[in-house]
Amino acid sequence: MIETLNLTKKFGTKIAVNKLNLDVGKGELFGFLGPNAAGKTTTIKLLTGLLKPTEGLVKIFGYDIQKDYIKVKSRLSYIPDVPYLYEKLTAREFLRFVSEIYLIDGKDTEKKIEGFLEFFSLREYENILIEEYSHGMHQKVVIIAALIHNPDIIIVDEPMVGLDPKTTKLVKDIFKNSSKNGKTIFMSTHTLSLAEEICGRICIIDNGNLIAIGTLEELRKKSGIDGRLEEIFLKLT
């Protein structure tokens, strides 16, 4: 589903991502970890086609993301760490707009929007301009917009920022259930306990280099630490 081949990104002489090779399969809930400035967000922008690689290749569903962007994008969603929305629209208006972009049948649109707004406790705010929303409410709308066309791959950068504990639990359940149903979740996060709880495999990068990849048990063996992910992460980075 997601494959990178010697993926490299340079900014001048600075190597942000260095010959990264990943292979993330269907139905995986994949954790992508690293310290600040490790290359996580740059990698995500390469995976989503927002940046062009200096060298190497990103393949999504077997397609080169740079050459077949439209084919890929219709089956892919991206939840960024900072939610950017059209502030002068209401949540309902914004979600209709997103639905039209993805050519969702008009009969299904309102039903889907109603369900998501109810699920995320936004019904009472649906006709208020987004500019009046809290950060957590912004994040909820972004998550709904990412899910509304039922994508096969969801790429996420710090999904729980600004969310209250109840919504965090809802989002975790969505990711876990989506994975069980064959959707691929590629999740970058600094919340190590979250990655430990829900991810099947975890990749750790530092200074643009892949340090370790595998299940929690495989990372324990590599690090020589039979403990929590936090201890393993600190040892390897």
C-alpha atoms as a PDB file:
ATOM      1  CA  MET A   1       0.000   0.000   0.000  1.00  0.00           C
ATOM      2  CA  ILE A   2       2.778   2.461   0.974  1.00  0.00           C
ATOM      3  CA  GLU A   3       6.312   1.903  -0.284  1.00  0.00           C
ATOM      4  CA  THR A   4       9.362   4.152  -0.268  1.00  0.00           C
ATOM      5  CA  LEU A   5      12.505   3.320  -2.229  1.00  0.00           C
ATOM      6  CA  ASN A   6      15.701   5.105  -1.151  1.00  0.00           C
ATOM      7  CA  LEU A   7      13.545   8.147  -0.381  1.00  0.00           C
ATOM      8  CA  THR A   8      15.726  11.216   0.122  1.00  0.00           C
ATOM      9  CA  LYS A   9      14.933  14.877   0.657  1.00  0.00           C
ATOM     10  CA  LYS A  10      17.566  17.607   0.884  1.00  0.00           C
ATOM     11  CA  PHE A  11      17.116  21.284   1.693  1.00  0.00           C
ATOM     12  CA  GLY A  12      20.351  22.811   0.462  1.00  0.00           C
ATOM     13  CA  THR A  13      23.086  20.795   2.178  1.00  0.00           C
ATOM     14  CA  LYS A  14      20.738  19.614   4.930  1.00  0.00           C
ATOM     15  CA  ILE A  15      19.533  16.017   4.508  1.00  0.00           C
ATOM     16  CA  ALA A  16      16.054  15.854   6.045  1.00  0.00           C
ATOM     17  CA  VAL A  17      15.281  12.285   4.913  1.00  0.00           C
ATOM     18  CA  ASN A  18      18.085   9.910   3.982  1.00  0.00           C
ATOM     19  CA  LYS A  19      17.514   6.846   1.749  1.00  0.00           C
ATOM     20  CA  LEU A  20      14.379   5.763   3.610  1.00  0.00           C
ATOM     21  CA  ASN A  21      12.970   2.359   2.675  1.00  0.00           C
ATOM     22  CA  LEU A  22       9.540   1.450   4.034  1.00  0.00           C
ATOM     23  CA  ASP A  23       6.886  -1.090   3.080  1.00  0.00           C
ATOM     24  CA  VAL A  24       3.554  -0.649   4.868  1.00  0.00           C
ATOM     25  CA  GLY A  25       0.880  -3.173   3.999  1.00  0.00           C
ATOM     26  CA  LYS A  26      -2.896  -3.278   3.801  1.00  0.00           C
ATOM     27  CA  GLY A  27      -4.601  -3.115   7.188  1.00  0.00           C
ATOM     28  CA  GLU A  28      -1.520  -2.001   9.102  1.00  0.00           C
ATOM     29  CA  LEU A  29      -1.705   0.545  11.892  1.00  0.00           C
ATOM     30  CA  PHE A  30       1.848   1.801  11.518  1.00  0.00           C
ATOM     31  CA  GLY A  31       3.549   4.129  13.998  1.00  0.00           C
ATOM     32  CA  PHE A  32       6.165   6.601  12.759  1.00  0.00           C
ATOM     33  CA  LEU A  33       8.263   8.049  15.571  1.00  0.00           C
ATOM     34  CA  GLY A  34      11.267  10.294  16.021  1.00  0.00           C
ATOM     35  CA  PRO A  35      12.593  13.267  17.989  1.00  0.00           C
ATOM     36  CA  ASN A  36      11.989  16.845  16.865  1.00  0.00           C
ATOM     37  CA  ALA A  37      13.606  17.570  13.474  1.00  0.00           C
ATOM     38  CA  ALA A  38      14.016  13.836  12.810  1.00  0.00           C
ATOM     39  CA  GLY A  39      12.342  14.089   9.392  1.00  0.00           C
ATOM     40  CA  LYS A  40       8.851  12.854  10.270  1.00  0.00           C
ATOM     41  CA  THR A  41       6.789  15.710   8.849  1.00  0.00           C
ATOM     42  CA  THR A  42       9.029  15.934   5.779  1.00  0.00           C
ATOM     43  CA  THR A  43       8.467  12.217   5.171  1.00  0.00           C
ATOM     44  CA  ILE A  44       4.719  12.637   5.507  1.00  0.00           C
ATOM     45  CA  LYS A  45       4.739  15.508   3.006  1.00  0.00           C
ATOM     46  CA  LEU A  46       6.676  13.277   0.613  1.00  0.00           C
ATOM     47  CA  LEU A  47       4.176  10.437   1.095  1.00  0.00           C
ATOM     48  CA  THR A  48       1.236  12.731   0.360  1.00  0.00           C
ATOM     49  CA  GLY A  49       2.851  14.353  -2.672  1.00  0.00           C
ATOM     50  CA  LEU A  50       3.147  17.773  -1.043  1.00  0.00           C
ATOM     51  CA  LEU A  51       6.933  17.668  -1.491  1.00  0.00           C
ATOM     52  CA  LYS A  52       8.996  16.227  -4.324  1.00  0.00           C
ATOM     53  CA  PRO A  53      11.851  13.929  -3.326  1.00  0.00           C
ATOM     54  CA  THR A  54      15.424  14.873  -4.132  1.00  0.00           C
ATOM     55  CA  GLU A  55      16.072  11.203  -4.841  1.00  0.00           C
ATOM     56  CA  GLY A  56      14.113   7.981  -4.589  1.00  0.00           C
ATOM     57  CA  LEU A  57      10.477   7.122  -5.011  1.00  0.00           C
ATOM     58  CA  VAL A  58       7.153   6.985  -3.154  1.00  0.00           C
ATOM     59  CA  LYS A  59       4.672   4.371  -4.364  1.00  0.00           C
ATOM     60  CA  ILE A  60       1.079   4.314  -3.096  1.00  0.00           C
ATOM     61  CA  PHE A  61      -1.139   1.428  -4.279  1.00  0.00           C
ATOM     62  CA  GLY A  62       1.747   0.676  -6.657  1.00  0.00           C
ATOM     63  CA  TYR A  63       1.551   4.139  -8.277  1.00  0.00           C
ATOM     64  CA  ASP A  64       4.305   6.742  -8.273  1.00  0.00           C
ATOM     65  CA  ILE A  65       2.791   9.544  -6.153  1.00  0.00           C
ATOM     66  CA  GLN A  66       4.463  12.206  -8.321  1.00  0.00           C
ATOM     67  CA  LYS A  67       3.227  10.798 -11.643  1.00  0.00           C
ATOM     68  CA  ASP A  68      -0.215   9.475 -10.677  1.00  0.00           C
ATOM     69  CA  TYR A  69      -1.222  11.909  -7.962  1.00  0.00           C
ATOM     70  CA  ILE A  70      -4.915  12.106  -8.913  1.00  0.00           C
ATOM     71  CA  LYS A  71      -5.374   8.315  -8.917  1.00  0.00           C
ATOM     72  CA  VAL A  72      -3.773   8.083  -5.496  1.00  0.00           C
ATOM     73  CA  LYS A  73      -5.405  11.113  -3.887  1.00  0.00           C
ATOM     74  CA  SER A  74      -8.956   9.849  -4.359  1.00  0.00           C
ATOM     75  CA  ARG A  75      -8.153   6.892  -2.070  1.00  0.00           C
ATOM     76  CA  LEU A  76      -5.911   8.694   0.406  1.00  0.00           C
ATOM     77  CA  SER A  77      -6.524  11.070   3.317  1.00  0.00           C
ATOM     78  CA  TYR A  78      -4.125  13.286   5.242  1.00  0.00           C
ATOM     79  CA  ILE A  79      -4.755  14.640   8.737  1.00  0.00           C
ATOM     80  CA  PRO A  80      -2.114  17.337   9.412  1.00  0.00           C
ATOM     81  CA  ASP A  81      -0.799  18.373  12.815  1.00  0.00           C
ATOM     82  CA  VAL A  82      -2.171  21.900  12.313  1.00  0.00           C
ATOM     83  CA  PRO A  83      -5.777  21.969  11.040  1.00  0.00           C
ATOM     84  CA  TYR A  84      -6.273  24.421   8.176  1.00  0.00           C
ATOM     85  CA  LEU A  85      -9.938  25.072   7.390  1.00  0.00           C
ATOM     86  CA  TYR A  86     -12.072  27.648   5.609  1.00  0.00           C
ATOM     87  CA  GLU A  87     -12.873  29.787   8.636  1.00  0.00           C
ATOM     88  CA  LYS A  88     -15.830  31.596   7.037  1.00  0.00           C
ATOM     89  CA  LEU A  89     -17.751  28.361   6.478  1.00  0.00           C
ATOM     90  CA  THR A  90     -19.742  26.376   8.997  1.00  0.00           C
ATOM     91  CA  ALA A  91     -18.746  22.772   9.693  1.00  0.00           C
ATOM     92  CA  ARG A  92     -21.652  21.495   7.621  1.00  0.00           C
ATOM     93  CA  GLU A  93     -20.776  23.774   4.686  1.00  0.00           C
ATOM     94  CA  PHE A  94     -17.122  22.741   4.805  1.00  0.00           C
ATOM     95  CA  LEU A  95     -17.974  19.040   4.889  1.00  0.00           C
ATOM     96  CA  ARG A  96     -20.363  19.458   1.943  1.00  0.00           C
ATOM     97  CA  PHE A  97     -17.549  21.166   0.056  1.00  0.00           C
ATOM     98  CA  VAL A  98     -15.150  18.286   0.792  1.00  0.00           C
ATOM     99  CA  SER A  99     -17.806  15.747  -0.219  1.00  0.00           C
ATOM    100  CA  GLU A 100     -18.269  17.490  -3.569  1.00  0.00           C
ATOM    101  CA  ILE A 101     -14.513  17.421  -4.207  1.00  0.00           C
ATOM    102  CA  TYR A 102     -14.548  13.649  -3.713  1.00  0.00           C
ATOM    103  CA  LEU A 103     -17.695  13.323  -5.879  1.00  0.00           C
ATOM    104  CA  ILE A 104     -19.703  11.651  -3.126  1.00  0.00           C
ATOM    105  CA  ASP A 105     -23.296  11.014  -4.184  1.00  0.00           C
ATOM    106  CA  GLY A 106     -25.493  13.881  -2.989  1.00  0.00           C
ATOM    107  CA  LYS A 107     -28.016  11.505  -1.415  1.00  0.00           C
ATOM    108  CA  ASP A 108     -25.312  10.012   0.781  1.00  0.00           C
ATOM    109  CA  THR A 109     -23.610  13.281   1.666  1.00  0.00           C
ATOM    110  CA  GLU A 110     -26.105  14.646   4.184  1.00  0.00           C
ATOM    111  CA  LYS A 111     -26.519  11.269   5.858  1.00  0.00           C
ATOM    112  CA  LYS A 112     -22.749  10.894   6.266  1.00  0.00           C
ATOM    113  CA  ILE A 113     -22.329  14.440   7.538  1.00  0.00           C
ATOM    114  CA  GLU A 114     -25.171  14.008  10.043  1.00  0.00           C
ATOM    115  CA  GLY A 115     -23.633  10.795  11.346  1.00  0.00           C
ATOM    116  CA  PHE A 116     -20.144  12.211  11.764  1.00  0.00           C
ATOM    117  CA  LEU A 117     -21.325  15.444  13.401  1.00  0.00           C
ATOM    118  CA  GLU A 118     -23.360  13.401  15.871  1.00  0.00           C
ATOM    119  CA  PHE A 119     -20.495  10.991  16.525  1.00  0.00           C
ATOM    120  CA  PHE A 120     -18.056  13.824  17.273  1.00  0.00           C
ATOM    121  CA  SER A 121     -20.570  15.854  19.338  1.00  0.00           C
ATOM    122  CA  LEU A 122     -20.613  18.756  16.865  1.00  0.00           C
ATOM    123  CA  ARG A 123     -24.324  18.841  16.005  1.00  0.00           C
ATOM    124  CA  GLU A 124     -25.065  21.861  18.187  1.00  0.00           C
ATOM    125  CA  TYR A 125     -22.186  23.773  16.533  1.00  0.00           C
ATOM    126  CA  GLU A 126     -22.769  22.705  12.919  1.00  0.00           C
ATOM    127  CA  ASN A 127     -24.157  26.076  11.792  1.00  0.00           C
ATOM    128  CA  ILE A 128     -21.585  28.223  13.608  1.00  0.00           C
ATOM    129  CA  LEU A 129     -18.653  29.598  11.602  1.00  0.00           C
ATOM    130  CA  ILE A 130     -15.488  27.546  11.995  1.00  0.00           C
ATOM    131  CA  GLU A 131     -13.564  30.673  13.032  1.00  0.00           C
ATOM    132  CA  GLU A 132     -15.400  30.483  16.372  1.00  0.00           C
ATOM    133  CA  TYR A 133     -14.343  26.886  17.049  1.00  0.00           C
ATOM    134  CA  SER A 134     -11.757  25.794  19.608  1.00  0.00           C
ATOM    135  CA  HIS A 135      -8.599  24.018  18.437  1.00  0.00           C
ATOM    136  CA  GLY A 136     -10.081  20.664  19.412  1.00  0.00           C
ATOM    137  CA  MET A 137     -13.226  21.360  17.393  1.00  0.00           C
ATOM    138  CA  HIS A 138     -11.078  22.329  14.394  1.00  0.00           C
ATOM    139  CA  GLN A 139      -9.294  18.996  14.733  1.00  0.00           C
ATOM    140  CA  LYS A 140     -12.598  17.111  14.838  1.00  0.00           C
ATOM    141  CA  VAL A 141     -13.725  18.733  11.571  1.00  0.00           C
ATOM    142  CA  VAL A 142     -10.401  17.880   9.911  1.00  0.00           C
ATOM    143  CA  ILE A 143     -10.739  14.253  11.015  1.00  0.00           C
ATOM    144  CA  ILE A 144     -14.310  14.053   9.671  1.00  0.00           C
ATOM    145  CA  ALA A 145     -13.183  15.574   6.358  1.00  0.00           C
ATOM    146  CA  ALA A 146     -10.453  12.924   6.126  1.00  0.00           C
ATOM    147  CA  LEU A 147     -12.871  10.061   6.765  1.00  0.00           C
ATOM    148  CA  ILE A 148     -15.902  11.165   4.776  1.00  0.00           C
ATOM    149  CA  HIS A 149     -14.873   9.551   1.459  1.00  0.00           C
ATOM    150  CA  ASN A 150     -13.925   6.246   3.137  1.00  0.00           C
ATOM    151  CA  PRO A 151     -10.226   6.284   2.129  1.00  0.00           C
ATOM    152  CA  ASP A 152      -8.072   3.170   1.905  1.00  0.00           C
ATOM    153  CA  ILE A 153      -5.059   4.947   3.430  1.00  0.00           C
ATOM    154  CA  ILE A 154      -5.071   7.565   6.194  1.00  0.00           C
ATOM    155  CA  ILE A 155      -1.813   9.422   6.837  1.00  0.00           C
ATOM    156  CA  VAL A 156      -1.845  11.220  10.165  1.00  0.00           C
ATOM    157  CA  ASP A 157       0.508  13.729  11.796  1.00  0.00           C
ATOM    158  CA  GLU A 158      -0.130  14.107  15.557  1.00  0.00           C
ATOM    159  CA  PRO A 159      -3.846  13.221  15.404  1.00  0.00           C
ATOM    160  CA  MET A 160      -4.710  13.752  19.073  1.00  0.00           C
ATOM    161  CA  VAL A 161      -3.417  17.318  19.505  1.00  0.00           C
ATOM    162  CA  GLY A 162      -6.119  19.432  21.166  1.00  0.00           C
ATOM    163  CA  LEU A 163      -8.601  16.581  21.587  1.00  0.00           C
ATOM    164  CA  ASP A 164     -10.286  15.878  24.912  1.00  0.00           C
ATOM    165  CA  PRO A 165      -9.979  12.369  26.446  1.00  0.00           C
ATOM    166  CA  LYS A 166     -13.404  11.245  25.180  1.00  0.00           C
ATOM    167  CA  THR A 167     -12.663  12.245  21.582  1.00  0.00           C
ATOM    168  CA  THR A 168      -9.161  10.760  21.805  1.00  0.00           C
ATOM    169  CA  LYS A 169     -10.752   7.421  22.700  1.00  0.00           C
ATOM    170  CA  LEU A 170     -13.190   7.744  19.776  1.00  0.00           C
ATOM    171  CA  VAL A 171     -10.361   8.441  17.317  1.00  0.00           C
ATOM    172  CA  LYS A 172      -8.284   5.538  18.635  1.00  0.00           C
ATOM    173  CA  ASP A 173     -11.267   3.241  18.140  1.00  0.00           C
ATOM    174  CA  ILE A 174     -11.798   4.581  14.602  1.00  0.00           C
ATOM    175  CA  PHE A 175      -8.165   3.861  13.715  1.00  0.00           C
ATOM    176  CA  LYS A 176      -8.241   0.373  15.232  1.00  0.00           C
ATOM    177  CA  ASN A 177     -11.530  -0.550  13.546  1.00  0.00           C
ATOM    178  CA  SER A 178     -10.374   0.902  10.219  1.00  0.00           C
ATOM    179  CA  SER A 179      -7.240  -1.228  10.418  1.00  0.00           C
ATOM    180  CA  LYS A 180      -9.313  -4.345  11.144  1.00  0.00           C
ATOM    181  CA  ASN A 181     -11.380  -3.534   8.049  1.00  0.00           C
ATOM    182  CA  GLY A 182      -8.312  -3.434   5.808  1.00  0.00           C
ATOM    183  CA  LYS A 183      -7.568   0.297   5.870  1.00  0.00           C
ATOM    184  CA  THR A 184      -3.951   1.372   6.295  1.00  0.00           C
ATOM    185  CA  ILE A 185      -3.149   3.967   8.973  1.00  0.00           C
ATOM    186  CA  PHE A 186       0.269   5.663   8.858  1.00  0.00           C
ATOM    187  CA  MET A 187       0.543   7.667  12.078  1.00  0.00           C
ATOM    188  CA  SER A 188       3.294  10.035  13.171  1.00  0.00           C
ATOM    189  CA  THR A 189       3.164  10.962  16.852  1.00  0.00           C
ATOM    190  CA  HIS A 190       5.223  12.102  19.834  1.00  0.00           C
ATOM    191  CA  THR A 191       2.778  10.322  22.151  1.00  0.00           C
ATOM    192  CA  LEU A 192       4.692   7.106  22.675  1.00  0.00           C
ATOM    193  CA  SER A 193       1.986   5.551  24.852  1.00  0.00           C
ATOM    194  CA  LEU A 194      -0.476   5.960  21.961  1.00  0.00           C
ATOM    195  CA  ALA A 195       1.859   4.226  19.508  1.00  0.00           C
ATOM    196  CA  GLU A 196       2.531   1.453  22.014  1.00  0.00           C
ATOM    197  CA  GLU A 197      -1.191   0.934  22.587  1.00  0.00           C
ATOM    198  CA  ILE A 198      -2.539   0.803  19.043  1.00  0.00           C
ATOM    199  CA  CYS A 199       0.274   0.259  16.506  1.00  0.00           C
ATOM    200  CA  GLY A 200       1.180  -3.168  15.173  1.00  0.00           C
ATOM    201  CA  ARG A 201       4.562  -2.055  13.836  1.00  0.00           C
ATOM    202  CA  ILE A 202       6.608   0.981  14.733  1.00  0.00           C
ATOM    203  CA  CYS A 203       9.352   2.809  12.845  1.00  0.00           C
ATOM    204  CA  ILE A 204      11.828   5.097  14.612  1.00  0.00           C
ATOM    205  CA  ILE A 205      13.847   7.652  12.655  1.00  0.00           C
ATOM    206  CA  ASP A 206      16.447  10.175  13.777  1.00  0.00           C
ATOM    207  CA  ASN A 207      18.295  12.812  11.742  1.00  0.00           C
ATOM    208  CA  GLY A 208      16.531  11.523   8.638  1.00  0.00           C
ATOM    209  CA  ASN A 209      17.804   7.965   9.088  1.00  0.00           C
ATOM    210  CA  LEU A 210      15.814   4.847   9.852  1.00  0.00           C
ATOM    211  CA  ILE A 211      16.982   3.618  13.267  1.00  0.00           C
ATOM    212  CA  ALA A 212      14.661   0.685  13.890  1.00  0.00           C
ATOM    213  CA  ILE A 213      11.448  -0.862  12.602  1.00  0.00           C
ATOM    214  CA  GLY A 214       9.282  -3.717  13.827  1.00  0.00           C
ATOM    215  CA  THR A 215       6.767  -4.847  16.408  1.00  0.00           C
ATOM    216  CA  LEU A 216       7.228  -3.740  20.009  1.00  0.00           C
ATOM    217  CA  GLU A 217       8.782  -7.110  20.798  1.00  0.00           C
ATOM    218  CA  GLU A 218      11.225  -6.770  17.883  1.00  0.00           C
ATOM    219  CA  LEU A 219      12.187  -3.278  19.059  1.00  0.00           C
ATOM    220  CA  ARG A 220      12.786  -4.661  22.547  1.00  0.00           C
ATOM    221  CA  LYS A 221      15.195  -7.226  21.119  1.00  0.00           C
ATOM    222  CA  LYS A 222      17.006  -4.632  19.011  1.00  0.00           C
ATOM    223  CA  SER A 223      17.396  -2.207  21.918  1.00  0.00           C
ATOM    224  CA  GLY A 224      18.136  -4.827  24.553  1.00  0.00           C
ATOM    225  CA  ILE A 225      15.441  -3.291  26.756  1.00  0.00           C
ATOM    226  CA  ASP A 226      12.531  -5.430  27.937  1.00  0.00           C
ATOM    227  CA  GLY A 227      10.392  -2.441  28.815  1.00  0.00           C
ATOM    228  CA  ARG A 228       8.034   0.260  27.597  1.00  0.00           C
ATOM    229  CA  LEU A 229       8.326   1.980  24.235  1.00  0.00           C
ATOM    230  CA  GLU A 230       9.465   5.187  25.943  1.00  0.00           C
ATOM    231  CA  GLU A 231      12.564   3.451  27.331  1.00  0.00           C
ATOM    232  CA  ILE A 232      13.295   1.834  23.965  1.00  0.00           C
ATOM    233  CA  PHE A 233      12.872   5.141  22.126  1.00  0.00           C
ATOM    234  CA  LEU A 234      15.231   6.996  24.469  1.00  0.00           C
ATOM    235  CA  LYS A 235      17.845   4.246  24.139  1.00  0.00           C
ATOM    236  CA  LEU A 236      17.730   4.182  20.321  1.00  0.00           C
ATOM    237  CA  THR A 237      17.669   7.942  19.746  1.00  0.00           C
END
